[in-house]
């Protein structure tokens, strides 16, 4: 699964060099049920934007997403209709 360029840049900036590659690889391999029919960038962002660049916190969010992706979206403040604006505010508008 593709990861948007703006999210890739954000991950490379926020995570340590070796960890960023691991995060990107894990995002690419997410099962479809984790995406839940949502915009993949929305789910990918929800998995990383509250991590403060911490691999272990990212792993906790992945476990949450596998349990219920809706809880993940709510926890990342991306569960409402304004989620595209929230992503633009965090990631920038250059998709």
C-alpha atoms as a PDB file:
ATOM      1  CA  UNK A   1       0.000   0.000   0.000  1.00  0.00           C
ATOM      2  CA  UNK A   2       1.312   3.433  -0.933  1.00  0.00           C
ATOM      3  CA  UNK A   3       2.076   6.062   1.677  1.00  0.00           C
ATOM      4  CA  UNK A   4       1.502   9.670   0.682  1.00  0.00           C
ATOM      5  CA  UNK A   5       4.614  11.770   0.061  1.00  0.00           C
ATOM      6  CA  UNK A   6       3.634  14.317   2.706  1.00  0.00           C
ATOM      7  CA  UNK A   7       3.147  11.627   5.351  1.00  0.00           C
ATOM      8  CA  UNK A   8       6.433   9.983   4.342  1.00  0.00           C
ATOM      9  CA  UNK A   9       8.191  13.320   4.855  1.00  0.00           C
ATOM     10  CA  UNK A  10       6.517  13.746   8.243  1.00  0.00           C
ATOM     11  CA  UNK A  11       7.558  10.245   9.367  1.00  0.00           C
ATOM     12  CA  UNK A  12      11.147  10.777   8.196  1.00  0.00           C
ATOM     13  CA  UNK A  13      11.243  14.038  10.145  1.00  0.00           C
ATOM     14  CA  UNK A  14       9.621  12.753  13.365  1.00  0.00           C
ATOM     15  CA  UNK A  15      11.124   9.270  13.754  1.00  0.00           C
ATOM     16  CA  UNK A  16      14.780   8.336  14.076  1.00  0.00           C
ATOM     17  CA  UNK A  17      16.403   7.287  10.817  1.00  0.00           C
ATOM     18  CA  UNK A  18      16.295   3.500  11.313  1.00  0.00           C
ATOM     19  CA  UNK A  19      12.896   3.631  12.952  1.00  0.00           C
ATOM     20  CA  UNK A  20      11.333   5.708  10.163  1.00  0.00           C
ATOM     21  CA  UNK A  21      12.049   2.946   7.646  1.00  0.00           C
ATOM     22  CA  UNK A  22      10.470   0.355   9.964  1.00  0.00           C
ATOM     23  CA  UNK A  23       7.356   2.511  10.393  1.00  0.00           C
ATOM     24  CA  UNK A  24       7.035   3.021   6.644  1.00  0.00           C
ATOM     25  CA  UNK A  25       7.457  -0.709   6.003  1.00  0.00           C
ATOM     26  CA  UNK A  26       4.806  -1.589   8.576  1.00  0.00           C
ATOM     27  CA  UNK A  27       2.364   0.948   7.108  1.00  0.00           C
ATOM     28  CA  UNK A  28       2.857  -0.538   3.641  1.00  0.00           C
ATOM     29  CA  UNK A  29       2.012  -4.008   4.962  1.00  0.00           C
ATOM     30  CA  UNK A  30      -1.142  -3.140   6.922  1.00  0.00           C
ATOM     31  CA  UNK A  31      -3.971  -5.597   6.314  1.00  0.00           C
ATOM     32  CA  UNK A  32      -7.040  -4.239   4.521  1.00  0.00           C
ATOM     33  CA  UNK A  33      -9.226  -4.737   7.597  1.00  0.00           C
ATOM     34  CA  UNK A  34      -7.092  -2.161   9.446  1.00  0.00           C
ATOM     35  CA  UNK A  35      -7.832   0.379   6.713  1.00  0.00           C
ATOM     36  CA  UNK A  36     -11.536  -0.398   7.098  1.00  0.00           C
ATOM     37  CA  UNK A  37     -12.506   1.078   3.732  1.00  0.00           C
ATOM     38  CA  UNK A  38     -11.217   4.488   4.819  1.00  0.00           C
ATOM     39  CA  UNK A  39      -8.773   6.749   3.020  1.00  0.00           C
ATOM     40  CA  UNK A  40      -5.409   5.024   3.627  1.00  0.00           C
ATOM     41  CA  UNK A  41      -3.660   8.335   4.400  1.00  0.00           C
ATOM     42  CA  UNK A  42      -6.212   8.977   7.136  1.00  0.00           C
ATOM     43  CA  UNK A  43      -5.471   5.635   8.814  1.00  0.00           C
ATOM     44  CA  UNK A  44      -1.715   5.901   8.273  1.00  0.00           C
ATOM     45  CA  UNK A  45      -1.675   9.381   9.803  1.00  0.00           C
ATOM     46  CA  UNK A  46      -3.802   8.258  12.744  1.00  0.00           C
ATOM     47  CA  UNK A  47      -1.195   5.605  13.457  1.00  0.00           C
ATOM     48  CA  UNK A  48       1.694   8.050  13.669  1.00  0.00           C
ATOM     49  CA  UNK A  49       0.681  11.618  14.488  1.00  0.00           C
ATOM     50  CA  UNK A  50       0.234  11.019  18.233  1.00  0.00           C
ATOM     51  CA  UNK A  51       3.401   8.930  18.657  1.00  0.00           C
ATOM     52  CA  UNK A  52       5.933  11.740  19.222  1.00  0.00           C
ATOM     53  CA  UNK A  53       8.241   9.647  17.036  1.00  0.00           C
ATOM     54  CA  UNK A  54       8.184   6.694  19.449  1.00  0.00           C
ATOM     55  CA  UNK A  55       8.327   3.210  17.896  1.00  0.00           C
ATOM     56  CA  UNK A  56       6.668   1.523  20.880  1.00  0.00           C
ATOM     57  CA  UNK A  57       3.785   3.977  20.916  1.00  0.00           C
ATOM     58  CA  UNK A  58       3.379   3.372  17.176  1.00  0.00           C
ATOM     59  CA  UNK A  59       3.148  -0.363  17.891  1.00  0.00           C
ATOM     60  CA  UNK A  60       0.427   0.309  20.471  1.00  0.00           C
ATOM     61  CA  UNK A  61      -1.563   2.261  17.896  1.00  0.00           C
ATOM     62  CA  UNK A  62      -1.152  -0.539  15.351  1.00  0.00           C
ATOM     63  CA  UNK A  63      -2.559  -2.990  17.916  1.00  0.00           C
ATOM     64  CA  UNK A  64      -5.474  -0.614  18.557  1.00  0.00           C
ATOM     65  CA  UNK A  65      -6.148  -0.290  14.826  1.00  0.00           C
ATOM     66  CA  UNK A  66      -6.209  -4.069  14.441  1.00  0.00           C
ATOM     67  CA  UNK A  67      -8.767  -4.197  17.232  1.00  0.00           C
ATOM     68  CA  UNK A  68     -10.931  -1.274  16.039  1.00  0.00           C
ATOM     69  CA  UNK A  69      -9.793   1.320  13.498  1.00  0.00           C
ATOM     70  CA  UNK A  70     -12.632   3.643  14.573  1.00  0.00           C
ATOM     71  CA  UNK A  71     -11.144   3.987  18.063  1.00  0.00           C
ATOM     72  CA  UNK A  72      -7.824   4.787  16.420  1.00  0.00           C
ATOM     73  CA  UNK A  73      -9.379   7.602  14.369  1.00  0.00           C
ATOM     74  CA  UNK A  74     -11.111   9.091  17.392  1.00  0.00           C
ATOM     75  CA  UNK A  75      -7.925   8.936  19.466  1.00  0.00           C
ATOM     76  CA  UNK A  76      -5.990  10.749  16.748  1.00  0.00           C
ATOM     77  CA  UNK A  77      -8.720  13.394  16.397  1.00  0.00           C
ATOM     78  CA  UNK A  78      -9.367  12.239  12.830  1.00  0.00           C
ATOM     79  CA  UNK A  79     -12.769  10.681  13.487  1.00  0.00           C
ATOM     80  CA  UNK A  80     -14.954  13.563  12.354  1.00  0.00           C
ATOM     81  CA  UNK A  81     -15.854  15.123   9.007  1.00  0.00           C
ATOM     82  CA  UNK A  82     -13.127  17.753   9.328  1.00  0.00           C
ATOM     83  CA  UNK A  83     -10.378  15.120   9.181  1.00  0.00           C
ATOM     84  CA  UNK A  84      -8.992  16.373   5.817  1.00  0.00           C
ATOM     85  CA  UNK A  85      -8.456  19.837   7.319  1.00  0.00           C
ATOM     86  CA  UNK A  86      -6.821  18.315  10.401  1.00  0.00           C
ATOM     87  CA  UNK A  87      -4.437  16.322   8.204  1.00  0.00           C
ATOM     88  CA  UNK A  88      -3.580  19.430   6.200  1.00  0.00           C
ATOM     89  CA  UNK A  89      -2.813  21.272   9.453  1.00  0.00           C
ATOM     90  CA  UNK A  90      -0.416  18.536  10.606  1.00  0.00           C
ATOM     91  CA  UNK A  91       1.096  17.368   7.316  1.00  0.00           C
ATOM     92  CA  UNK A  92       0.801  20.414   5.085  1.00  0.00           C
ATOM     93  CA  UNK A  93      -1.269  20.792   1.961  1.00  0.00           C
ATOM     94  CA  UNK A  94       1.229  19.567  -0.647  1.00  0.00           C
ATOM     95  CA  UNK A  95       0.021  16.030  -1.164  1.00  0.00           C
END
